[in-house]
Protein backbone atom coordinates (compact mmCIF):
# COMPACT_ATOMS: atom_id res chain seq x y z
CA MET A 1 -7.46 -38.10 -14.42
CA ARG A 2 -8.99 -34.80 -13.26
CA SER A 3 -6.47 -34.50 -10.43
CA ILE A 4 -3.59 -35.02 -12.86
CA ILE A 5 -4.99 -32.39 -15.23
CA LYS A 6 -5.39 -29.99 -12.32
CA ILE A 7 -1.76 -30.52 -11.23
CA ILE A 8 -0.55 -29.95 -14.79
CA PHE A 9 -2.68 -26.80 -15.10
CA VAL A 10 -1.34 -25.40 -11.81
CA LYS A 11 2.26 -26.02 -12.85
CA ILE A 12 1.75 -24.46 -16.29
CA LYS A 13 0.07 -21.40 -14.73
CA ALA A 14 2.88 -21.03 -12.18
CA GLY A 15 5.45 -21.18 -14.98
CA LEU A 16 3.57 -18.61 -17.06
CA ASP A 17 3.21 -16.29 -14.03
CA THR A 18 6.95 -16.46 -13.41
CA PHE A 19 7.75 -15.81 -17.08
CA ILE A 20 5.35 -12.85 -17.27
CA SER A 21 6.78 -11.42 -14.03
CA PHE A 22 10.31 -11.71 -15.37
CA LEU A 23 9.31 -9.84 -18.55
CA ALA A 24 7.54 -7.16 -16.50
CA VAL A 25 10.71 -6.54 -14.48
CA LEU A 26 12.80 -6.48 -17.63
CA PHE A 27 10.65 -3.80 -19.28
CA PHE A 28 9.22 -1.74 -16.42
CA SER A 29 11.44 -1.92 -13.32
CA SER A 30 14.31 0.38 -12.42
CA ARG A 31 17.51 -0.96 -10.83
CA SER A 32 18.35 2.44 -9.39
CA SER A 33 15.01 2.55 -7.55
CA ALA A 34 15.63 -0.98 -6.28
CA SER A 35 19.01 0.00 -4.85
CA LYS A 36 17.53 3.00 -2.99
CA ILE A 37 15.33 0.77 -0.82
CA LYS A 38 18.34 -1.33 0.21
CA LYS A 39 20.02 1.73 1.71
CA ILE A 40 17.13 2.36 4.12
CA LYS A 41 17.59 0.61 7.47
CA PRO A 42 14.89 -0.23 10.05
CA LYS A 43 14.46 1.96 13.13
CA GLY A 44 12.84 0.47 16.21
CA LYS A 45 11.76 -3.09 16.95
CA SER A 46 8.75 -3.11 14.62
CA CYS A 47 6.92 -1.02 12.04
CA TYR A 48 3.36 0.20 12.35
CA VAL A 49 1.74 0.47 8.91
CA ILE A 50 -1.18 2.86 9.38
CA ALA A 51 -3.92 3.05 6.77
CA ASN A 52 -6.78 5.55 6.70
CA GLY A 53 -9.76 3.34 7.52
CA PRO A 54 -12.45 4.62 9.92
CA SER A 55 -11.42 2.07 12.59
CA LEU A 56 -8.18 3.96 13.21
CA THR A 57 -9.83 6.26 15.75
CA LYS A 58 -10.33 3.21 18.01
CA GLU A 59 -6.71 2.10 17.65
CA ILE A 60 -4.83 5.35 18.27
CA ASP A 61 -4.28 4.72 22.00
CA PHE A 62 -2.55 1.43 21.28
CA ILE A 63 -0.35 3.14 18.68
CA THR A 64 0.72 6.04 20.89
CA ASN A 65 1.50 3.86 23.93
CA ASP A 66 4.53 2.29 22.24
CA ARG A 67 5.32 5.04 19.75
CA GLU A 68 8.93 5.54 20.90
CA LEU A 69 9.77 1.85 20.46
CA ASN A 70 8.44 1.48 16.92
CA SER A 71 8.60 3.09 13.51
CA ILE A 72 5.53 4.29 11.66
CA LEU A 73 4.65 4.22 7.95
CA VAL A 74 1.58 6.14 6.81
CA LEU A 75 -0.25 6.28 3.49
CA ASN A 76 -1.65 8.64 0.87
CA PHE A 77 -3.30 11.71 2.50
CA PHE A 78 -2.63 10.85 6.15
CA CYS A 79 -0.67 14.10 6.52
CA ASN A 80 -3.94 16.04 6.18
CA SER A 81 -4.87 14.98 9.72
CA LYS A 82 -3.66 16.31 13.07
CA MET A 83 -2.55 12.77 13.94
CA PHE A 84 0.26 13.09 11.39
CA PHE A 85 2.03 15.78 13.39
CA ASP A 86 1.37 14.00 16.68
CA LEU A 87 2.92 10.73 15.49
CA GLN A 88 5.70 12.15 13.28
CA PRO A 89 6.05 9.00 11.11
CA GLU A 90 9.44 7.94 9.78
CA TYR A 91 7.99 6.75 6.46
CA TYR A 92 5.30 7.97 4.09
CA CYS A 93 4.05 6.10 1.02
CA ILE A 94 1.82 7.72 -1.57
CA SER A 95 0.61 6.25 -4.85
CA ASP A 96 -2.73 7.96 -5.46
CA PRO A 97 -2.82 8.76 -9.20
CA LEU A 98 -4.43 12.12 -8.44
CA VAL A 99 -1.11 13.26 -6.96
CA PHE A 100 0.73 12.41 -10.15
CA ASN A 101 -1.92 13.28 -12.73
CA SER A 102 -1.80 16.93 -11.68
CA GLU A 103 -4.44 18.37 -14.00
CA ASP A 104 -7.08 15.76 -13.17
CA GLY A 105 -6.16 15.85 -9.48
CA TYR A 106 -6.55 19.60 -9.17
CA LEU A 107 -9.91 19.46 -10.91
CA ARG A 108 -11.22 16.81 -8.53
CA ILE A 109 -9.60 17.45 -5.13
CA PRO A 110 -7.77 20.80 -5.16
CA GLU A 111 -8.16 21.40 -1.40
CA VAL A 112 -6.82 17.95 -0.53
CA LEU A 113 -3.76 18.36 -2.73
CA ASP A 114 -3.08 21.89 -1.48
CA ASP A 115 -3.25 20.64 2.13
CA PHE A 116 -0.94 17.76 1.26
CA ILE A 117 1.69 20.17 -0.12
CA ILE A 118 1.37 22.57 2.82
CA ASN A 119 1.60 19.86 5.45
CA MET A 120 4.53 18.03 3.87
CA ASN A 121 6.40 21.32 3.78
CA LYS A 122 5.74 21.67 7.52
CA VAL A 123 7.46 18.38 8.42
CA SER A 124 10.16 19.10 11.00
CA TRP A 125 11.55 15.55 11.42
CA PRO A 126 13.35 13.15 9.06
CA CYS A 127 10.79 11.40 6.86
CA VAL A 128 11.23 9.16 3.81
CA LEU A 129 8.57 9.79 1.17
CA PHE A 130 8.07 6.75 -1.08
CA PHE A 131 6.31 6.94 -4.44
CA PRO A 132 6.22 4.69 -7.57
CA GLN A 133 9.17 5.21 -9.90
CA HIS A 134 7.03 5.22 -13.06
CA PHE A 135 5.61 8.57 -11.89
CA SER A 136 8.85 10.33 -12.80
CA THR A 137 7.39 13.81 -12.43
CA SER A 138 4.62 15.32 -10.36
CA PHE A 139 3.41 18.90 -10.17
CA VAL A 140 2.37 18.19 -6.56
CA LEU A 141 5.65 16.65 -5.39
CA ASN A 142 7.61 19.40 -7.12
CA LYS A 143 5.98 21.86 -4.72
CA ILE A 144 7.45 20.08 -1.70
CA ASN A 145 10.64 21.91 -0.79
CA ASN A 146 11.66 20.52 2.59
CA ASN A 147 15.11 19.19 3.49
CA ASN A 148 13.54 16.89 6.07
CA ILE A 149 11.82 14.94 3.29
CA ASN A 150 13.88 12.23 1.62
CA PHE A 151 12.26 11.32 -1.71
CA CYS A 152 12.59 7.64 -2.59
CA THR A 153 11.08 5.90 -5.60
CA PHE A 154 10.13 2.21 -5.61
CA ASN A 155 9.21 -0.33 -8.26
CA SER A 156 5.47 -0.96 -8.15
CA THR A 157 5.74 -3.41 -11.06
CA PRO A 158 3.04 -6.06 -10.39
CA LEU A 159 4.48 -9.58 -10.29
CA LEU A 160 2.40 -12.75 -10.39
CA GLY A 161 2.62 -15.93 -8.38
CA GLU A 162 4.63 -17.10 -5.38
CA SER A 163 7.52 -18.97 -6.93
CA LYS A 164 11.07 -18.77 -5.58
CA ILE A 165 12.04 -16.69 -8.62
CA VAL A 166 9.23 -14.18 -8.01
CA PHE A 167 10.10 -13.95 -4.30
CA ASN A 168 13.72 -13.35 -5.28
CA LEU A 169 12.57 -10.46 -7.50
CA PHE A 170 10.57 -9.15 -4.53
CA LYS A 171 13.66 -9.33 -2.35
CA ARG A 172 15.62 -7.33 -4.90
CA ASN A 173 12.90 -4.62 -4.88
CA LEU A 174 12.23 -5.13 -8.59
CA GLY A 175 8.50 -5.66 -8.18
CA MET A 176 5.76 -6.47 -5.69
CA PRO A 177 2.39 -8.24 -5.44
CA ILE A 178 -0.26 -6.41 -7.47
CA PRO A 179 -0.56 -3.04 -5.65
CA GLU A 180 -4.33 -2.78 -5.95
CA SER A 181 -4.19 -0.52 -2.89
CA VAL A 182 -1.42 1.66 -1.46
CA ILE A 183 -1.67 -0.56 1.64
CA ILE A 184 -0.03 -3.38 -0.36
CA SER A 185 2.86 -1.09 -1.23
CA GLY A 186 3.22 0.07 2.38
CA ILE A 187 3.37 -3.45 3.82
CA PHE A 188 5.78 -4.57 1.11
CA LEU A 189 8.13 -1.65 1.81
CA ALA A 190 8.09 -2.37 5.54
CA ILE A 191 9.06 -5.98 4.82
CA ASN A 192 11.91 -5.06 2.48
CA ILE A 193 13.27 -2.33 4.75
CA GLY A 194 13.95 -5.17 7.14
CA TYR A 195 11.37 -5.08 9.93
CA LYS A 196 10.79 -8.48 11.55
CA LYS A 197 7.41 -7.48 12.96
CA ILE A 198 4.78 -5.37 11.21
CA ASP A 199 1.54 -4.18 12.82
CA LEU A 200 -1.38 -3.05 10.66
CA PHE A 201 -3.90 -0.42 11.72
CA GLY A 202 -6.87 1.15 9.93
CA VAL A 203 -6.99 -1.62 7.32
CA ASP A 204 -10.78 -2.06 7.26
CA HIS A 205 -10.97 -3.08 3.59
CA SER A 206 -14.74 -3.02 3.91
CA TRP A 207 -15.68 -1.33 0.63
CA ILE A 208 -17.56 -4.39 -0.56
CA ARG A 209 -20.05 -3.97 2.33
CA ASP A 210 -21.07 -0.56 0.94
CA PHE A 211 -21.08 -1.44 -2.75
CA LYS A 212 -24.38 -0.50 -4.41
CA VAL A 213 -25.97 -0.70 -7.84
CA ASP A 214 -28.85 1.68 -8.59
CA ALA A 215 -31.80 1.44 -10.98
CA SER A 216 -29.71 2.72 -13.88
CA ASN A 217 -26.99 0.07 -13.21
CA SER A 218 -24.52 2.69 -12.00
CA SER A 219 -22.30 1.28 -9.28
CA SER A 220 -20.90 3.17 -6.32
CA PHE A 221 -19.42 2.70 -2.86
CA PHE A 222 -18.49 4.84 0.14
CA LEU A 223 -14.89 5.72 0.94
CA ALA A 224 -14.79 6.36 4.67
CA HIS A 225 -11.63 7.67 6.34
CA PHE A 226 -10.72 7.98 10.01
CA TYR A 227 -10.57 11.78 9.70
CA GLY A 228 -14.28 11.81 8.85
CA ALA A 229 -14.23 12.54 5.12
CA SER A 230 -16.63 10.11 3.44
CA SER A 231 -17.26 10.44 -0.26
CA ARG A 232 -19.48 8.52 -2.60
CA THR A 233 -17.38 7.35 -5.51
CA LYS A 234 -18.99 6.65 -8.87
CA ASN A 235 -17.56 3.79 -10.88
CA ASP A 236 -17.62 3.08 -14.58
CA ARG A 237 -16.85 -0.55 -13.76
CA SER A 238 -19.33 -3.40 -13.78
CA VAL A 239 -19.95 -5.49 -10.68
CA SER A 240 -17.71 -8.23 -12.06
CA GLN A 241 -14.87 -5.75 -12.62
CA PHE A 242 -15.24 -4.41 -9.08
CA LEU A 243 -15.17 -7.92 -7.63
CA ILE A 244 -12.11 -8.79 -9.71
CA SER A 245 -10.33 -5.74 -8.28
CA GLN A 246 -11.24 -6.93 -4.77
CA TYR A 247 -9.92 -10.39 -5.60
CA ARG A 248 -6.61 -8.87 -6.69
CA LEU A 249 -6.45 -6.86 -3.45
CA PHE A 250 -7.07 -9.75 -1.07
CA ARG A 251 -4.93 -12.11 -3.14
CA SER A 252 -2.01 -9.67 -2.81
CA HIS A 253 -2.42 -9.82 0.97
CA GLU A 254 -2.13 -13.61 0.79
CA VAL A 255 1.06 -13.34 -1.24
CA LEU A 256 2.51 -10.79 1.20
CA GLU A 257 1.76 -13.10 4.14
CA HIS A 258 3.57 -15.97 2.39
CA TYR A 259 6.50 -13.74 1.44
CA ALA A 260 6.74 -12.44 5.03
CA ARG A 261 6.64 -15.96 6.47
CA VAL A 262 9.43 -17.13 4.16
CA ASN A 263 11.55 -14.26 5.51
CA ASN A 264 10.65 -14.96 9.18
CA ILE A 265 8.57 -11.78 9.45
CA THR A 266 5.37 -11.55 11.47
CA ILE A 267 2.48 -9.39 10.26
CA ILE A 268 -0.32 -8.69 12.74
CA ASN A 269 -3.67 -7.18 11.76
CA ASN A 270 -4.85 -4.96 14.63
CA THR A 271 -8.07 -3.80 12.94
CA LYS A 272 -10.94 -5.55 14.70
CA ASP A 273 -13.53 -5.67 11.90
CA SER A 274 -11.11 -5.86 8.99
CA LEU A 275 -12.12 -8.16 6.14
CA ILE A 276 -8.50 -9.21 5.56
CA ASP A 277 -8.13 -12.88 6.50
CA SER A 278 -4.46 -13.35 5.59
CA TYR A 279 -2.60 -12.23 8.71
CA GLU A 280 -2.47 -13.11 12.38
CA ARG A 281 -4.89 -10.99 14.41
CA ARG A 282 -4.39 -9.29 17.75
CA ASN A 283 -6.90 -10.47 20.37
């Protein structure tokens, strides 16, 4: 009896997830943004999706050895490192709310945002800059005046489940697995651009190892980046809320792996001590 109830529950949940995802697309997704992604064609035999984890410093030699044969997609504030100009990535994906909530962003990280604007205006090669379509305006992006930058919005509408209908909505660029991190968006974009092989670098995802709760029940964790900037981030979330956010993150990786497999795409995690257990790993 329990097994039957469990099967019924799973089917009902899958149906509800599909229905909710369909409504989310109907109300929040943009068809014009979806069509923009379809016009972008892959360059090179594979795509390197490079995150900003501290492990990246150990992986840079591997990346540069085959740079000419592969495309590169970088994330958030990667351009504030010298490595950005050395690698000259074809794609850039940014979704940090501080870029789009200009007033709050400039109060919290003015130097970071100023450097982002300066460096993006220095780009001397063709680069597609992806950002979520629901951020229709941005004081920061408006300061980028560079003909080498091709602005391209995407639908970051979070869709639930792994049904054929949801995967079809993914394929049409109308939504994606819950983008708890910009890394989810980056991998998803690489898949939908059409790369058959995607290599991940700097995807440590090790925040949970540094999560602390002090005597006053304030929670915090370290954000360490490969360029050496580590900051202690205060949270107004409880431990349960933090763990739920981590569940969403790792669950989205599982969905991406399934979606990639269905489309005959291989994703390889090259980060040695990464906590992600969804993808094939390089020995």
